[in-house]
Amino acid sequence: MLERIVQVARPQPLASPLGELPAARIGRLAIRSLYREAALAPKPGLVSPGSHGSHRDMDFATFLRSLQSLRAYFPSIAACGLRRPRFAPLQQLGIDAESAMLAATGGVNTHRGAIFNLGLLCAGAGRLIAEGEGLEAAAVCAVVKDTWGAEILAGLSSVPDVAALSHGLSVARRYGSGGARQEAASGFPAALELGLPAYRSVLATTGDGELAAVQALFALIAELEDTNLLWRGGRQGLAHGRQAAAGFLAAGGVLAGDWREHAAAIDRDFVAANLSPGGSADLLGVTLFLAELGDCF
């Protein structure tokens, strides 16, 4: 089973075995970030250790099986990035990882977005290491944008069969939403401009990584055009979700004394409306990865 990553107040730097390769360290951080996202609670409409949220086909154990299946993927794609590849080799690694994930979960999509987002960022980090550059969050995001952005966007028009589209791509076409591909091709602006500032602000104030992660998640939900909310609730569902998250932040967010009760009430509301901000959850994983990446080396 997946080794348990202990939740602490302030996330501690990864303890790296002597001689561990850079790609392995990057890959471990990716898994750690996804575990932290999955273990976080309360989260509106999303799977956590004590709730399956708005999802009837998965629970926390499903996420653990999925993460176990991806343990080799993230180091592999980081190592691929060290070789300064074009997009195609990265894409093939992602396809293989998705197959492994679906086999582990019985066909349930738990981490397709993470395979795409964090896979690209791991590759970008590998490329920066190969070039002797530091792993600042903005620099890694810029590598993804500048190196593979055009090829990422080209994929939006390369799936002619509508039935073959993912939910995100289907919603992107239906509503004109950018979705995960646009976010990655643009250098992850939502993570850099929404998730990270919210996370770092609360972490600096409280020293508590759990509080910081919750604040970052609500900041993302409040502003992001989340394709999962669009898929489940259309424009009305998206507006409802964003308004609820904005109200949580306006009431003080995680710095309010009753924040857990407020967040739990929003969770119940999302579940009743069958809403799940999966796109925001994916970008929370990105945020947590970027927040600690510079401490890996």
C-alpha atoms as a PDB file:
ATOM      1  CA  MET A   1       0.000   0.000   0.000  1.00  0.00           C
ATOM      2  CA  LEU A   2       0.947   3.591  -0.372  1.00  0.00           C
ATOM      3  CA  GLU A   3       3.202   4.704   2.427  1.00  0.00           C
ATOM      4  CA  ARG A   4       1.357   7.034   4.759  1.00  0.00           C
ATOM      5  CA  ILE A   5       2.518  10.610   4.588  1.00  0.00           C
ATOM      6  CA  VAL A   6       2.018  12.160   7.988  1.00  0.00           C
ATOM      7  CA  GLN A   7       0.089  15.407   8.101  1.00  0.00           C
ATOM      8  CA  VAL A   8       1.926  18.039  10.104  1.00  0.00           C
ATOM      9  CA  ALA A   9       1.162  21.659  10.785  1.00  0.00           C
ATOM     10  CA  ARG A  10       3.809  23.105   8.501  1.00  0.00           C
ATOM     11  CA  PRO A  11       4.810  20.774   5.655  1.00  0.00           C
ATOM     12  CA  GLN A  12       8.342  19.595   6.303  1.00  0.00           C
ATOM     13  CA  PRO A  13      10.929  19.362   3.505  1.00  0.00           C
ATOM     14  CA  LEU A  14      11.085  15.912   1.965  1.00  0.00           C
ATOM     15  CA  ALA A  15      13.719  13.757   3.634  1.00  0.00           C
ATOM     16  CA  SER A  16      15.683  12.408   0.683  1.00  0.00           C
ATOM     17  CA  PRO A  17      17.671   9.174   0.829  1.00  0.00           C
ATOM     18  CA  LEU A  18      21.378   9.653   0.298  1.00  0.00           C
ATOM     19  CA  GLY A  19      22.187   9.626  -3.402  1.00  0.00           C
ATOM     20  CA  GLU A  20      18.545   9.775  -4.528  1.00  0.00           C
ATOM     21  CA  LEU A  21      18.278  10.936  -8.129  1.00  0.00           C
ATOM     22  CA  PRO A  22      16.624  14.309  -8.818  1.00  0.00           C
ATOM     23  CA  ALA A  23      13.842  12.705 -10.858  1.00  0.00           C
ATOM     24  CA  ALA A  24      12.974  10.433  -7.948  1.00  0.00           C
ATOM     25  CA  ARG A  25      12.768  13.379  -5.563  1.00  0.00           C
ATOM     26  CA  ILE A  26      10.491  15.271  -7.936  1.00  0.00           C
ATOM     27  CA  GLY A  27       8.293  12.198  -8.340  1.00  0.00           C
ATOM     28  CA  ARG A  28       7.973  11.688  -4.595  1.00  0.00           C
ATOM     29  CA  LEU A  29       6.905  15.296  -4.195  1.00  0.00           C
ATOM     30  CA  ALA A  30       4.204  14.824  -6.832  1.00  0.00           C
ATOM     31  CA  ILE A  31       2.790  11.804  -4.967  1.00  0.00           C
ATOM     32  CA  ARG A  32       3.038  13.648  -1.643  1.00  0.00           C
ATOM     33  CA  SER A  33       1.154  16.630  -3.072  1.00  0.00           C
ATOM     34  CA  LEU A  34      -1.633  14.443  -4.418  1.00  0.00           C
ATOM     35  CA  TYR A  35      -1.902  12.600  -1.117  1.00  0.00           C
ATOM     36  CA  ARG A  36      -2.186  15.893   0.763  1.00  0.00           C
ATOM     37  CA  GLU A  37      -4.945  17.022  -1.601  1.00  0.00           C
ATOM     38  CA  ALA A  38      -6.881  13.763  -1.241  1.00  0.00           C
ATOM     39  CA  ALA A  39      -6.487  13.643   2.560  1.00  0.00           C
ATOM     40  CA  LEU A  40      -7.631  17.231   3.068  1.00  0.00           C
ATOM     41  CA  ALA A  41     -11.007  17.755   4.757  1.00  0.00           C
ATOM     42  CA  PRO A  42     -13.548  19.187   4.636  1.00  0.00           C
ATOM     43  CA  LYS A  43     -13.654  19.762   0.879  1.00  0.00           C
ATOM     44  CA  PRO A  44     -16.887  20.697  -0.945  1.00  0.00           C
ATOM     45  CA  GLY A  45     -18.202  17.798  -3.000  1.00  0.00           C
ATOM     46  CA  LEU A  46     -14.799  16.081  -3.142  1.00  0.00           C
ATOM     47  CA  VAL A  47     -13.511  12.751  -1.858  1.00  0.00           C
ATOM     48  CA  SER A  48     -11.764  12.802   1.532  1.00  0.00           C
ATOM     49  CA  PRO A  49     -10.937  10.090   4.101  1.00  0.00           C
ATOM     50  CA  GLY A  50     -14.373  10.323   5.673  1.00  0.00           C
ATOM     51  CA  SER A  51     -16.516  11.110   2.649  1.00  0.00           C
ATOM     52  CA  HIS A  52     -16.999  10.211  -0.997  1.00  0.00           C
ATOM     53  CA  GLY A  53     -18.383  13.708  -1.623  1.00  0.00           C
ATOM     54  CA  SER A  54     -20.537  13.885  -4.738  1.00  0.00           C
ATOM     55  CA  HIS A  55     -18.893  10.758  -6.182  1.00  0.00           C
ATOM     56  CA  ARG A  56     -20.729   7.439  -5.961  1.00  0.00           C
ATOM     57  CA  ASP A  57     -18.053   5.492  -7.831  1.00  0.00           C
ATOM     58  CA  MET A  58     -15.015   6.256  -5.659  1.00  0.00           C
ATOM     59  CA  ASP A  59     -13.797   6.783  -2.113  1.00  0.00           C
ATOM     60  CA  PHE A  60     -10.499   7.532  -0.363  1.00  0.00           C
ATOM     61  CA  ALA A  61      -9.297   3.949  -0.802  1.00  0.00           C
ATOM     62  CA  THR A  62      -9.779   4.342  -4.560  1.00  0.00           C
ATOM     63  CA  PHE A  63      -7.466   7.343  -4.469  1.00  0.00           C
ATOM     64  CA  LEU A  64      -4.829   5.390  -2.562  1.00  0.00           C
ATOM     65  CA  ARG A  65      -4.907   2.589  -5.131  1.00  0.00           C
ATOM     66  CA  SER A  66      -4.623   5.181  -7.876  1.00  0.00           C
ATOM     67  CA  LEU A  67      -1.635   6.875  -6.240  1.00  0.00           C
ATOM     68  CA  GLN A  68       0.080   3.525  -5.806  1.00  0.00           C
ATOM     69  CA  SER A  69      -0.274   2.904  -9.543  1.00  0.00           C
ATOM     70  CA  LEU A  70       1.355   6.276 -10.319  1.00  0.00           C
ATOM     71  CA  ARG A  71       4.425   5.946  -8.105  1.00  0.00           C
ATOM     72  CA  ALA A  72       6.680   5.078 -11.065  1.00  0.00           C
ATOM     73  CA  TYR A  73       5.110   7.546 -13.499  1.00  0.00           C
ATOM     74  CA  PHE A  74       6.136  10.840 -11.961  1.00  0.00           C
ATOM     75  CA  PRO A  75       9.839   9.981 -11.573  1.00  0.00           C
ATOM     76  CA  SER A  76       9.810   8.573 -15.119  1.00  0.00           C
ATOM     77  CA  ILE A  77       8.368  11.708 -16.678  1.00  0.00           C
ATOM     78  CA  ALA A  78      10.727  13.895 -14.637  1.00  0.00           C
ATOM     79  CA  ALA A  79      13.636  11.797 -15.959  1.00  0.00           C
ATOM     80  CA  CYS A  80      12.246  12.219 -19.469  1.00  0.00           C
ATOM     81  CA  GLY A  81      12.246  15.989 -18.942  1.00  0.00           C
ATOM     82  CA  LEU A  82      15.971  15.822 -18.221  1.00  0.00           C
ATOM     83  CA  ARG A  83      16.420  14.792 -21.870  1.00  0.00           C
ATOM     84  CA  ARG A  84      14.638  17.932 -23.146  1.00  0.00           C
ATOM     85  CA  PRO A  85      11.945  16.049 -25.105  1.00  0.00           C
ATOM     86  CA  ARG A  86       9.206  17.221 -27.414  1.00  0.00           C
ATOM     87  CA  PHE A  87       5.628  16.727 -26.262  1.00  0.00           C
ATOM     88  CA  ALA A  88       5.002  13.304 -27.842  1.00  0.00           C
ATOM     89  CA  PRO A  89       7.171  11.234 -25.435  1.00  0.00           C
ATOM     90  CA  LEU A  90       5.537  12.966 -22.471  1.00  0.00           C
ATOM     91  CA  GLN A  91       2.116  12.300 -23.918  1.00  0.00           C
ATOM     92  CA  GLN A  92       2.870   8.595 -24.309  1.00  0.00           C
ATOM     93  CA  LEU A  93       4.047   8.334 -20.708  1.00  0.00           C
ATOM     94  CA  GLY A  94       0.792   9.995 -19.651  1.00  0.00           C
ATOM     95  CA  ILE A  95      -1.285   7.567 -21.727  1.00  0.00           C
ATOM     96  CA  ASP A  96       0.508   4.620 -20.147  1.00  0.00           C
ATOM     97  CA  ALA A  97       0.020   6.101 -16.659  1.00  0.00           C
ATOM     98  CA  GLU A  98      -3.695   6.596 -17.289  1.00  0.00           C
ATOM     99  CA  SER A  99      -4.002   2.947 -18.319  1.00  0.00           C
ATOM    100  CA  ALA A 100      -2.273   1.889 -15.090  1.00  0.00           C
ATOM    101  CA  MET A 101      -4.550   4.160 -13.061  1.00  0.00           C
ATOM    102  CA  LEU A 102      -7.721   2.785 -14.646  1.00  0.00           C
ATOM    103  CA  ALA A 103      -6.540  -0.777 -14.089  1.00  0.00           C
ATOM    104  CA  ALA A 104      -5.910  -0.018 -10.410  1.00  0.00           C
ATOM    105  CA  THR A 105      -9.275   1.676  -9.863  1.00  0.00           C
ATOM    106  CA  GLY A 106     -11.501  -0.596 -11.928  1.00  0.00           C
ATOM    107  CA  GLY A 107     -12.003   2.030 -14.611  1.00  0.00           C
ATOM    108  CA  VAL A 108     -12.598   5.001 -12.297  1.00  0.00           C
ATOM    109  CA  ASN A 109     -10.947   8.297 -13.267  1.00  0.00           C
ATOM    110  CA  THR A 110      -9.326   9.523 -10.077  1.00  0.00           C
ATOM    111  CA  HIS A 111      -6.191  11.283 -11.326  1.00  0.00           C
ATOM    112  CA  ARG A 112      -6.439  11.989 -15.063  1.00  0.00           C
ATOM    113  CA  GLY A 113      -5.988  15.708 -14.426  1.00  0.00           C
ATOM    114  CA  ALA A 114      -3.016  15.101 -12.142  1.00  0.00           C
ATOM    115  CA  ILE A 115      -1.380  12.791 -14.671  1.00  0.00           C
ATOM    116  CA  PHE A 116      -1.571  15.653 -17.162  1.00  0.00           C
ATOM    117  CA  ASN A 117      -0.816  18.664 -14.942  1.00  0.00           C
ATOM    118  CA  LEU A 118       1.756  17.283 -12.545  1.00  0.00           C
ATOM    119  CA  GLY A 119       3.290  15.128 -15.246  1.00  0.00           C
ATOM    120  CA  LEU A 120       4.062  18.229 -17.298  1.00  0.00           C
ATOM    121  CA  LEU A 121       5.403  20.069 -14.262  1.00  0.00           C
ATOM    122  CA  CYS A 122       7.636  17.128 -13.313  1.00  0.00           C
ATOM    123  CA  ALA A 123       8.980  17.124 -16.880  1.00  0.00           C
ATOM    124  CA  GLY A 124       9.465  20.889 -16.713  1.00  0.00           C
ATOM    125  CA  ALA A 125      11.371  20.547 -13.452  1.00  0.00           C
ATOM    126  CA  GLY A 126      13.575  17.903 -15.038  1.00  0.00           C
ATOM    127  CA  ARG A 127      14.301  20.164 -17.972  1.00  0.00           C
ATOM    128  CA  LEU A 128      15.302  23.021 -15.654  1.00  0.00           C
ATOM    129  CA  ILE A 129      17.662  20.732 -13.772  1.00  0.00           C
ATOM    130  CA  ALA A 130      19.246  19.665 -17.061  1.00  0.00           C
ATOM    131  CA  GLU A 131      19.807  23.323 -17.875  1.00  0.00           C
ATOM    132  CA  GLY A 132      21.282  24.072 -14.464  1.00  0.00           C
ATOM    133  CA  GLU A 133      18.428  26.359 -13.453  1.00  0.00           C
ATOM    134  CA  GLY A 134      16.630  26.682 -10.130  1.00  0.00           C
ATOM    135  CA  LEU A 135      13.183  25.212  -9.512  1.00  0.00           C
ATOM    136  CA  GLU A 136      11.180  28.334  -8.710  1.00  0.00           C
ATOM    137  CA  ALA A 137       7.443  27.867  -9.260  1.00  0.00           C
ATOM    138  CA  ALA A 138       7.125  30.521 -11.965  1.00  0.00           C
ATOM    139  CA  ALA A 139      10.137  29.173 -13.857  1.00  0.00           C
ATOM    140  CA  VAL A 140       8.795  25.614 -13.967  1.00  0.00           C
ATOM    141  CA  CYS A 141       5.397  26.825 -15.168  1.00  0.00           C
ATOM    142  CA  ALA A 142       7.070  28.960 -17.816  1.00  0.00           C
ATOM    143  CA  VAL A 143       8.993  25.934 -19.122  1.00  0.00           C
ATOM    144  CA  VAL A 144       5.724  24.060 -19.664  1.00  0.00           C
ATOM    145  CA  LYS A 145       4.234  27.052 -21.472  1.00  0.00           C
ATOM    146  CA  ASP A 146       7.233  27.920 -23.616  1.00  0.00           C
ATOM    147  CA  THR A 147       8.377  24.395 -24.473  1.00  0.00           C
ATOM    148  CA  TRP A 148       5.169  22.412 -24.945  1.00  0.00           C
ATOM    149  CA  GLY A 149       2.342  24.967 -24.909  1.00  0.00           C
ATOM    150  CA  ALA A 150       1.716  25.007 -28.650  1.00  0.00           C
ATOM    151  CA  GLU A 151       1.611  21.210 -28.869  1.00  0.00           C
ATOM    152  CA  ILE A 152      -0.680  21.026 -25.845  1.00  0.00           C
ATOM    153  CA  LEU A 153      -3.171  23.356 -27.514  1.00  0.00           C
ATOM    154  CA  ALA A 154      -2.875  21.492 -30.800  1.00  0.00           C
ATOM    155  CA  GLY A 155      -4.379  18.522 -29.007  1.00  0.00           C
ATOM    156  CA  LEU A 156      -7.633  20.423 -28.495  1.00  0.00           C
ATOM    157  CA  SER A 157      -8.452  20.057 -32.189  1.00  0.00           C
ATOM    158  CA  SER A 158      -6.950  16.611 -32.741  1.00  0.00           C
ATOM    159  CA  VAL A 159      -9.865  14.554 -31.328  1.00  0.00           C
ATOM    160  CA  PRO A 160     -12.467  14.473 -34.102  1.00  0.00           C
ATOM    161  CA  ASP A 161     -14.823  11.979 -32.410  1.00  0.00           C
ATOM    162  CA  VAL A 162     -16.925  13.846 -29.855  1.00  0.00           C
ATOM    163  CA  ALA A 163     -17.680  10.556 -28.078  1.00  0.00           C
ATOM    164  CA  ALA A 164     -13.968  10.169 -27.370  1.00  0.00           C
ATOM    165  CA  LEU A 165     -13.691  13.488 -25.551  1.00  0.00           C
ATOM    166  CA  SER A 166     -13.022  13.654 -21.822  1.00  0.00           C
ATOM    167  CA  HIS A 167     -15.511  15.575 -19.696  1.00  0.00           C
ATOM    168  CA  GLY A 168     -13.116  18.517 -19.624  1.00  0.00           C
ATOM    169  CA  LEU A 169     -12.670  18.650 -23.388  1.00  0.00           C
ATOM    170  CA  SER A 170     -16.389  18.183 -23.943  1.00  0.00           C
ATOM    171  CA  VAL A 171     -17.190  21.086 -21.619  1.00  0.00           C
ATOM    172  CA  ALA A 172     -14.465  23.206 -23.216  1.00  0.00           C
ATOM    173  CA  ARG A 173     -16.125  22.793 -26.598  1.00  0.00           C
ATOM    174  CA  ARG A 174     -19.664  23.248 -25.296  1.00  0.00           C
ATOM    175  CA  TYR A 175     -19.047  26.352 -23.172  1.00  0.00           C
ATOM    176  CA  GLY A 176     -15.866  27.793 -24.661  1.00  0.00           C
ATOM    177  CA  SER A 177     -14.045  27.127 -21.398  1.00  0.00           C
ATOM    178  CA  GLY A 178     -10.274  26.777 -21.557  1.00  0.00           C
ATOM    179  CA  GLY A 179     -10.013  23.746 -19.301  1.00  0.00           C
ATOM    180  CA  ALA A 180      -6.879  21.916 -18.202  1.00  0.00           C
ATOM    181  CA  ARG A 181      -5.098  22.116 -21.559  1.00  0.00           C
ATOM    182  CA  GLN A 182      -5.460  25.879 -21.745  1.00  0.00           C
ATOM    183  CA  GLU A 183      -4.333  26.243 -18.131  1.00  0.00           C
ATOM    184  CA  ALA A 184      -1.203  24.171 -18.747  1.00  0.00           C
ATOM    185  CA  ALA A 185      -0.415  25.810 -22.079  1.00  0.00           C
ATOM    186  CA  SER A 186      -0.689  29.215 -20.395  1.00  0.00           C
ATOM    187  CA  GLY A 187       1.770  28.257 -17.652  1.00  0.00           C
ATOM    188  CA  PHE A 188      -0.745  27.463 -14.876  1.00  0.00           C
ATOM    189  CA  PRO A 189      -1.804  31.054 -14.117  1.00  0.00           C
ATOM    190  CA  ALA A 190      -4.580  29.973 -11.725  1.00  0.00           C
ATOM    191  CA  ALA A 191      -2.113  28.082  -9.546  1.00  0.00           C
ATOM    192  CA  LEU A 192       0.425  30.915  -9.625  1.00  0.00           C
ATOM    193  CA  GLU A 193      -2.009  33.806  -9.177  1.00  0.00           C
ATOM    194  CA  LEU A 194      -4.756  32.263  -7.025  1.00  0.00           C
ATOM    195  CA  GLY A 195      -3.669  29.053  -5.345  1.00  0.00           C
ATOM    196  CA  LEU A 196      -0.114  29.892  -4.348  1.00  0.00           C
ATOM    197  CA  PRO A 197      -0.765  33.391  -2.922  1.00  0.00           C
ATOM    198  CA  ALA A 198      -3.665  32.072  -0.811  1.00  0.00           C
ATOM    199  CA  TYR A 199      -1.609  29.105   0.380  1.00  0.00           C
ATOM    200  CA  ARG A 200       1.490  31.114   1.227  1.00  0.00           C
ATOM    201  CA  SER A 201      -0.446  33.870   2.976  1.00  0.00           C
ATOM    202  CA  VAL A 202      -2.213  31.511   5.379  1.00  0.00           C
ATOM    203  CA  LEU A 203       0.907  29.397   5.887  1.00  0.00           C
ATOM    204  CA  ALA A 204       2.868  32.523   6.829  1.00  0.00           C
ATOM    205  CA  THR A 205       0.101  33.624   9.209  1.00  0.00           C
ATOM    206  CA  THR A 206      -0.666  30.306  10.894  1.00  0.00           C
ATOM    207  CA  GLY A 207       2.172  27.905  10.111  1.00  0.00           C
ATOM    208  CA  ASP A 208      -0.519  25.309   9.370  1.00  0.00           C
ATOM    209  CA  GLY A 209      -0.294  23.516   6.026  1.00  0.00           C
ATOM    210  CA  GLU A 210      -3.812  22.077   6.283  1.00  0.00           C
ATOM    211  CA  LEU A 211      -5.384  25.497   6.783  1.00  0.00           C
ATOM    212  CA  ALA A 212      -3.298  26.911   3.949  1.00  0.00           C
ATOM    213  CA  ALA A 213      -4.411  24.138   1.587  1.00  0.00           C
ATOM    214  CA  VAL A 214      -8.101  24.636   2.397  1.00  0.00           C
ATOM    215  CA  GLN A 215      -7.768  28.372   1.799  1.00  0.00           C
ATOM    216  CA  ALA A 216      -6.047  27.748  -1.530  1.00  0.00           C
ATOM    217  CA  LEU A 217      -8.786  25.338  -2.612  1.00  0.00           C
ATOM    218  CA  PHE A 218     -11.561  27.833  -1.882  1.00  0.00           C
ATOM    219  CA  ALA A 219      -9.612  30.606  -3.609  1.00  0.00           C
ATOM    220  CA  LEU A 220      -9.409  28.432  -6.719  1.00  0.00           C
ATOM    221  CA  ILE A 221     -13.084  27.441  -6.638  1.00  0.00           C
ATOM    222  CA  ALA A 222     -14.126  31.081  -6.245  1.00  0.00           C
ATOM    223  CA  GLU A 223     -12.359  32.215  -9.424  1.00  0.00           C
ATOM    224  CA  LEU A 224     -11.692  29.232 -11.671  1.00  0.00           C
ATOM    225  CA  GLU A 225     -13.987  28.302 -14.545  1.00  0.00           C
ATOM    226  CA  ASP A 226     -14.030  24.760 -13.233  1.00  0.00           C
ATOM    227  CA  THR A 227     -14.950  22.338 -16.025  1.00  0.00           C
ATOM    228  CA  ASN A 228     -16.145  19.721 -13.532  1.00  0.00           C
ATOM    229  CA  LEU A 229     -18.653  22.166 -12.078  1.00  0.00           C
ATOM    230  CA  LEU A 230     -19.714  23.036 -15.612  1.00  0.00           C
ATOM    231  CA  TRP A 231     -20.078  19.358 -16.506  1.00  0.00           C
ATOM    232  CA  ARG A 232     -22.243  18.580 -13.506  1.00  0.00           C
ATOM    233  CA  GLY A 233     -24.213  21.808 -13.123  1.00  0.00           C
ATOM    234  CA  GLY A 234     -23.833  23.908 -16.259  1.00  0.00           C
ATOM    235  CA  ARG A 235     -23.380  27.657 -15.973  1.00  0.00           C
ATOM    236  CA  GLN A 236     -25.778  27.789 -13.023  1.00  0.00           C
ATOM    237  CA  GLY A 237     -23.835  25.152 -11.122  1.00  0.00           C
ATOM    238  CA  LEU A 238     -20.542  26.914 -11.792  1.00  0.00           C
ATOM    239  CA  ALA A 239     -21.947  30.247 -10.600  1.00  0.00           C
ATOM    240  CA  HIS A 240     -23.391  28.613  -7.489  1.00  0.00           C
ATOM    241  CA  GLY A 241     -20.101  26.956  -6.610  1.00  0.00           C
ATOM    242  CA  ARG A 242     -18.072  30.097  -7.148  1.00  0.00           C
ATOM    243  CA  GLN A 243     -20.485  32.174  -5.082  1.00  0.00           C
ATOM    244  CA  ALA A 244     -20.351  29.709  -2.192  1.00  0.00           C
ATOM    245  CA  ALA A 245     -16.541  29.702  -2.202  1.00  0.00           C
ATOM    246  CA  ALA A 246     -16.389  33.488  -2.432  1.00  0.00           C
ATOM    247  CA  GLY A 247     -18.751  33.741   0.543  1.00  0.00           C
ATOM    248  CA  PHE A 248     -16.484  31.450   2.549  1.00  0.00           C
ATOM    249  CA  LEU A 249     -13.478  33.656   1.803  1.00  0.00           C
ATOM    250  CA  ALA A 250     -15.399  36.865   2.516  1.00  0.00           C
ATOM    251  CA  ALA A 251     -16.376  35.494   5.931  1.00  0.00           C
ATOM    252  CA  GLY A 252     -12.698  35.148   6.813  1.00  0.00           C
ATOM    253  CA  GLY A 253     -11.907  31.817   5.218  1.00  0.00           C
ATOM    254  CA  VAL A 254      -9.892  29.482   7.425  1.00  0.00           C
ATOM    255  CA  LEU A 255      -9.011  32.354   9.754  1.00  0.00           C
ATOM    256  CA  ALA A 256     -12.629  32.524  10.947  1.00  0.00           C
ATOM    257  CA  GLY A 257     -13.403  30.703  14.164  1.00  0.00           C
ATOM    258  CA  ASP A 258     -16.222  28.694  12.596  1.00  0.00           C
ATOM    259  CA  TRP A 259     -14.478  27.884   9.322  1.00  0.00           C
ATOM    260  CA  ARG A 260     -14.858  24.112   9.644  1.00  0.00           C
ATOM    261  CA  GLU A 261     -18.604  24.389  10.174  1.00  0.00           C
ATOM    262  CA  HIS A 262     -18.898  26.806   7.241  1.00  0.00           C
ATOM    263  CA  ALA A 263     -16.824  24.564   4.950  1.00  0.00           C
ATOM    264  CA  ALA A 264     -18.794  21.477   6.007  1.00  0.00           C
ATOM    265  CA  ALA A 265     -22.071  23.271   5.238  1.00  0.00           C
ATOM    266  CA  ILE A 266     -20.790  24.114   1.749  1.00  0.00           C
ATOM    267  CA  ASP A 267     -19.775  20.480   1.312  1.00  0.00           C
ATOM    268  CA  ARG A 268     -23.293  19.317   2.185  1.00  0.00           C
ATOM    269  CA  ASP A 269     -24.723  21.853  -0.250  1.00  0.00           C
ATOM    270  CA  PHE A 270     -22.424  20.675  -3.065  1.00  0.00           C
ATOM    271  CA  VAL A 271     -23.279  17.022  -2.416  1.00  0.00           C
ATOM    272  CA  ALA A 272     -27.012  17.787  -2.451  1.00  0.00           C
ATOM    273  CA  ALA A 273     -26.572  19.581  -5.815  1.00  0.00           C
ATOM    274  CA  ASN A 274     -24.232  16.842  -7.139  1.00  0.00           C
ATOM    275  CA  LEU A 275     -21.446  19.382  -7.649  1.00  0.00           C
ATOM    276  CA  SER A 276     -17.745  18.556  -7.491  1.00  0.00           C
ATOM    277  CA  PRO A 277     -15.002  21.113  -8.239  1.00  0.00           C
ATOM    278  CA  GLY A 278     -12.554  18.554  -9.602  1.00  0.00           C
ATOM    279  CA  GLY A 279     -10.688  21.073 -11.728  1.00  0.00           C
ATOM    280  CA  SER A 280      -9.972  23.169  -8.649  1.00  0.00           C
ATOM    281  CA  ALA A 281      -8.848  20.062  -6.768  1.00  0.00           C
ATOM    282  CA  ASP A 282      -6.417  19.255  -9.595  1.00  0.00           C
ATOM    283  CA  LEU A 283      -4.971  22.749  -9.357  1.00  0.00           C
ATOM    284  CA  LEU A 284      -4.713  22.447  -5.587  1.00  0.00           C
ATOM    285  CA  GLY A 285      -2.426  19.485  -6.226  1.00  0.00           C
ATOM    286  CA  VAL A 286      -0.424  21.706  -8.576  1.00  0.00           C
ATOM    287  CA  THR A 287      -0.328  24.454  -5.934  1.00  0.00           C
ATOM    288  CA  LEU A 288       0.967  22.106  -3.239  1.00  0.00           C
ATOM    289  CA  PHE A 289       3.612  20.747  -5.621  1.00  0.00           C
ATOM    290  CA  LEU A 290       4.820  24.208  -6.639  1.00  0.00           C
ATOM    291  CA  ALA A 291       4.831  25.427  -3.037  1.00  0.00           C
ATOM    292  CA  GLU A 292       7.417  22.819  -2.035  1.00  0.00           C
ATOM    293  CA  LEU A 293       9.336  22.249  -5.252  1.00  0.00           C
ATOM    294  CA  GLY A 294      12.076  24.742  -4.465  1.00  0.00           C
ATOM    295  CA  ASP A 295      12.770  22.931  -1.170  1.00  0.00           C
ATOM    296  CA  CYS A 296      13.512  19.629  -2.928  1.00  0.00           C
ATOM    297  CA  PHE A 297      17.084  20.607  -3.783  1.00  0.00           C
END
